[in-house]
Amino acid sequence: TLNVNDVLDMAGMNLFNSSNTSAASGSALDASVAKHQLMVWGNANDHLAFNLSSSGWEVSALQTAIAYQGHTMAVYNASNGITAVQLLVDQQMALTNNPLL
């Protein structure tokens, strides 16, 4: 289970940008992304538990999906006033609203 503060605590800024990703859907990431970014890789057997409305995440309006090393990643941004946080989640993973999984 991940919340915005978890990503702030563990991730550096501008790790993923136009030099190492491409657009899979929507716009590509910028050349410089002034956000703490965390990428979560997985497959259909993996679960990431978070509730968009209560954990501070929203689907990116511009970068809906990016490609990185053969994976398609959904893009989520912080929605609770902290603008410098971004979560990139492998679209193969199962997302759940149940934080107990």
C-alpha atoms as a PDB file:
ATOM      1  CA  THR A   1       0.000   0.000   0.000  1.00  0.00           C
ATOM      2  CA  LEU A   2       1.455   3.361  -1.021  1.00  0.00           C
ATOM      3  CA  ASN A   3       0.545   6.891  -0.127  1.00  0.00           C
ATOM      4  CA  VAL A   4       2.030  10.197  -1.267  1.00  0.00           C
ATOM      5  CA  ASN A   5       4.300  10.581   1.773  1.00  0.00           C
ATOM      6  CA  ASP A   6       5.793   7.126   1.146  1.00  0.00           C
ATOM      7  CA  VAL A   7       6.974   8.236  -2.286  1.00  0.00           C
ATOM      8  CA  LEU A   8       8.332  11.518  -0.909  1.00  0.00           C
ATOM      9  CA  ASP A   9      10.347   9.529   1.649  1.00  0.00           C
ATOM     10  CA  MET A  10      11.886   6.995  -0.725  1.00  0.00           C
ATOM     11  CA  ALA A  11      12.151   8.403  -4.242  1.00  0.00           C
ATOM     12  CA  GLY A  12      14.407  10.861  -6.012  1.00  0.00           C
ATOM     13  CA  MET A  13      13.327  13.557  -8.461  1.00  0.00           C
ATOM     14  CA  ASN A  14      13.361  13.407 -12.264  1.00  0.00           C
ATOM     15  CA  LEU A  15      14.257   9.715 -12.413  1.00  0.00           C
ATOM     16  CA  PHE A  16      11.926   9.102 -15.359  1.00  0.00           C
ATOM     17  CA  ASN A  17      11.660  11.651 -18.163  1.00  0.00           C
ATOM     18  CA  SER A  18      11.681  11.972 -21.950  1.00  0.00           C
ATOM     19  CA  SER A  19      15.274  10.664 -22.141  1.00  0.00           C
ATOM     20  CA  ASN A  20      14.345   7.183 -20.846  1.00  0.00           C
ATOM     21  CA  THR A  21      10.567   6.839 -21.450  1.00  0.00           C
ATOM     22  CA  SER A  22       8.144   7.367 -24.317  1.00  0.00           C
ATOM     23  CA  ALA A  23       4.418   8.015 -24.577  1.00  0.00           C
ATOM     24  CA  ALA A  24       2.206   4.927 -24.709  1.00  0.00           C
ATOM     25  CA  SER A  25      -1.005   6.937 -24.358  1.00  0.00           C
ATOM     26  CA  GLY A  26      -1.399  10.694 -23.989  1.00  0.00           C
ATOM     27  CA  SER A  27       1.674  12.931 -23.851  1.00  0.00           C
ATOM     28  CA  ALA A  28       5.229  11.870 -23.097  1.00  0.00           C
ATOM     29  CA  LEU A  29       6.944  12.922 -19.886  1.00  0.00           C
ATOM     30  CA  ASP A  30       8.848  16.202 -20.089  1.00  0.00           C
ATOM     31  CA  ALA A  31      12.637  16.411 -20.427  1.00  0.00           C
ATOM     32  CA  SER A  32      12.766  17.413 -16.776  1.00  0.00           C
ATOM     33  CA  VAL A  33      10.116  16.208 -14.332  1.00  0.00           C
ATOM     34  CA  ALA A  34      10.268  18.127 -11.051  1.00  0.00           C
ATOM     35  CA  LYS A  35       8.603  15.352  -9.077  1.00  0.00           C
ATOM     36  CA  HIS A  36       9.686  12.602  -6.721  1.00  0.00           C
ATOM     37  CA  GLN A  37       8.947   9.530  -8.833  1.00  0.00           C
ATOM     38  CA  LEU A  38       8.499   5.892  -7.918  1.00  0.00           C
ATOM     39  CA  MET A  39       7.976   3.135 -10.490  1.00  0.00           C
ATOM     40  CA  VAL A  40       6.278  -0.098  -9.427  1.00  0.00           C
ATOM     41  CA  TRP A  41       6.819  -3.119 -11.696  1.00  0.00           C
ATOM     42  CA  GLY A  42       4.752  -6.252 -11.517  1.00  0.00           C
ATOM     43  CA  ASN A  43       2.476  -8.663 -13.325  1.00  0.00           C
ATOM     44  CA  ALA A  44      -1.087  -9.956 -13.050  1.00  0.00           C
ATOM     45  CA  ASN A  45      -0.157 -11.917  -9.890  1.00  0.00           C
ATOM     46  CA  ASP A  46       0.861  -8.719  -8.054  1.00  0.00           C
ATOM     47  CA  HIS A  47      -1.439  -6.263  -6.279  1.00  0.00           C
ATOM     48  CA  LEU A  48      -1.005  -2.614  -5.429  1.00  0.00           C
ATOM     49  CA  ALA A  49      -3.526  -1.413  -2.882  1.00  0.00           C
ATOM     50  CA  PHE A  50      -4.507   2.214  -2.908  1.00  0.00           C
ATOM     51  CA  ASN A  51      -7.685   4.211  -3.041  1.00  0.00           C
ATOM     52  CA  LEU A  52      -7.399   7.144  -5.418  1.00  0.00           C
ATOM     53  CA  SER A  53      -9.762   9.358  -3.469  1.00  0.00           C
ATOM     54  CA  SER A  54      -8.440   8.759   0.058  1.00  0.00           C
ATOM     55  CA  SER A  55      -4.722   8.111  -0.468  1.00  0.00           C
ATOM     56  CA  GLY A  56      -3.888  11.300  -2.342  1.00  0.00           C
ATOM     57  CA  TRP A  57      -3.516  10.007  -5.919  1.00  0.00           C
ATOM     58  CA  GLU A  58      -5.210  10.927  -9.190  1.00  0.00           C
ATOM     59  CA  VAL A  59      -4.766   9.632 -12.730  1.00  0.00           C
ATOM     60  CA  SER A  60      -2.560  11.994 -14.732  1.00  0.00           C
ATOM     61  CA  ALA A  61      -4.610  14.048 -17.172  1.00  0.00           C
ATOM     62  CA  LEU A  62      -1.688  14.464 -19.622  1.00  0.00           C
ATOM     63  CA  GLN A  63       0.488  11.356 -19.344  1.00  0.00           C
ATOM     64  CA  THR A  64      -2.054   8.573 -19.067  1.00  0.00           C
ATOM     65  CA  ALA A  65       0.516   5.848 -19.853  1.00  0.00           C
ATOM     66  CA  ILE A  66       4.216   5.758 -20.629  1.00  0.00           C
ATOM     67  CA  ALA A  67       6.483   3.050 -21.999  1.00  0.00           C
ATOM     68  CA  TYR A  68       9.645   2.073 -20.117  1.00  0.00           C
ATOM     69  CA  GLN A  69      11.879  -0.893 -20.980  1.00  0.00           C
ATOM     70  CA  GLY A  70       9.050  -2.899 -22.538  1.00  0.00           C
ATOM     71  CA  HIS A  71       6.509  -2.119 -19.806  1.00  0.00           C
ATOM     72  CA  THR A  72       3.486   0.151 -20.048  1.00  0.00           C
ATOM     73  CA  MET A  73       3.110   2.221 -16.925  1.00  0.00           C
ATOM     74  CA  ALA A  74      -0.012   4.056 -15.709  1.00  0.00           C
ATOM     75  CA  VAL A  75       0.815   7.535 -14.407  1.00  0.00           C
ATOM     76  CA  TYR A  76      -0.615   8.894 -11.144  1.00  0.00           C
ATOM     77  CA  ASN A  77       0.076  12.297  -9.599  1.00  0.00           C
ATOM     78  CA  ALA A  78      -0.416  13.519  -6.051  1.00  0.00           C
ATOM     79  CA  SER A  79      -3.807  15.143  -5.616  1.00  0.00           C
ATOM     80  CA  ASN A  80      -3.617  16.448  -2.066  1.00  0.00           C
ATOM     81  CA  GLY A  81      -1.765  19.707  -2.682  1.00  0.00           C
ATOM     82  CA  ILE A  82       1.677  18.080  -2.893  1.00  0.00           C
ATOM     83  CA  THR A  83       2.483  18.600  -6.552  1.00  0.00           C
ATOM     84  CA  ALA A  84       5.994  17.140  -6.627  1.00  0.00           C
ATOM     85  CA  VAL A  85       5.062  13.439  -6.425  1.00  0.00           C
ATOM     86  CA  GLN A  86       4.399  10.923  -9.206  1.00  0.00           C
ATOM     87  CA  LEU A  87       3.706   7.181  -9.141  1.00  0.00           C
ATOM     88  CA  LEU A  88       4.251   5.009 -12.238  1.00  0.00           C
ATOM     89  CA  VAL A  89       2.516   1.619 -12.012  1.00  0.00           C
ATOM     90  CA  ASP A  90       2.915  -1.339 -14.371  1.00  0.00           C
ATOM     91  CA  GLN A  91      -0.430  -1.815 -16.091  1.00  0.00           C
ATOM     92  CA  GLN A  92      -0.087  -5.601 -15.780  1.00  0.00           C
ATOM     93  CA  MET A  93      -0.552  -5.312 -12.011  1.00  0.00           C
ATOM     94  CA  ALA A  94      -3.913  -5.672 -10.328  1.00  0.00           C
ATOM     95  CA  LEU A  95      -4.975  -2.502  -8.555  1.00  0.00           C
ATOM     96  CA  THR A  96      -7.293  -2.785  -5.601  1.00  0.00           C
ATOM     97  CA  ASN A  97      -9.073  -0.402  -3.278  1.00  0.00           C
ATOM     98  CA  ASN A  98      -8.676  -2.888  -0.430  1.00  0.00           C
ATOM     99  CA  PRO A  99      -5.579  -1.873   1.596  1.00  0.00           C
ATOM    100  CA  LEU A 100      -5.509  -5.290   3.294  1.00  0.00           C
ATOM    101  CA  LEU A 101      -4.359  -7.186   0.169  1.00  0.00           C
END
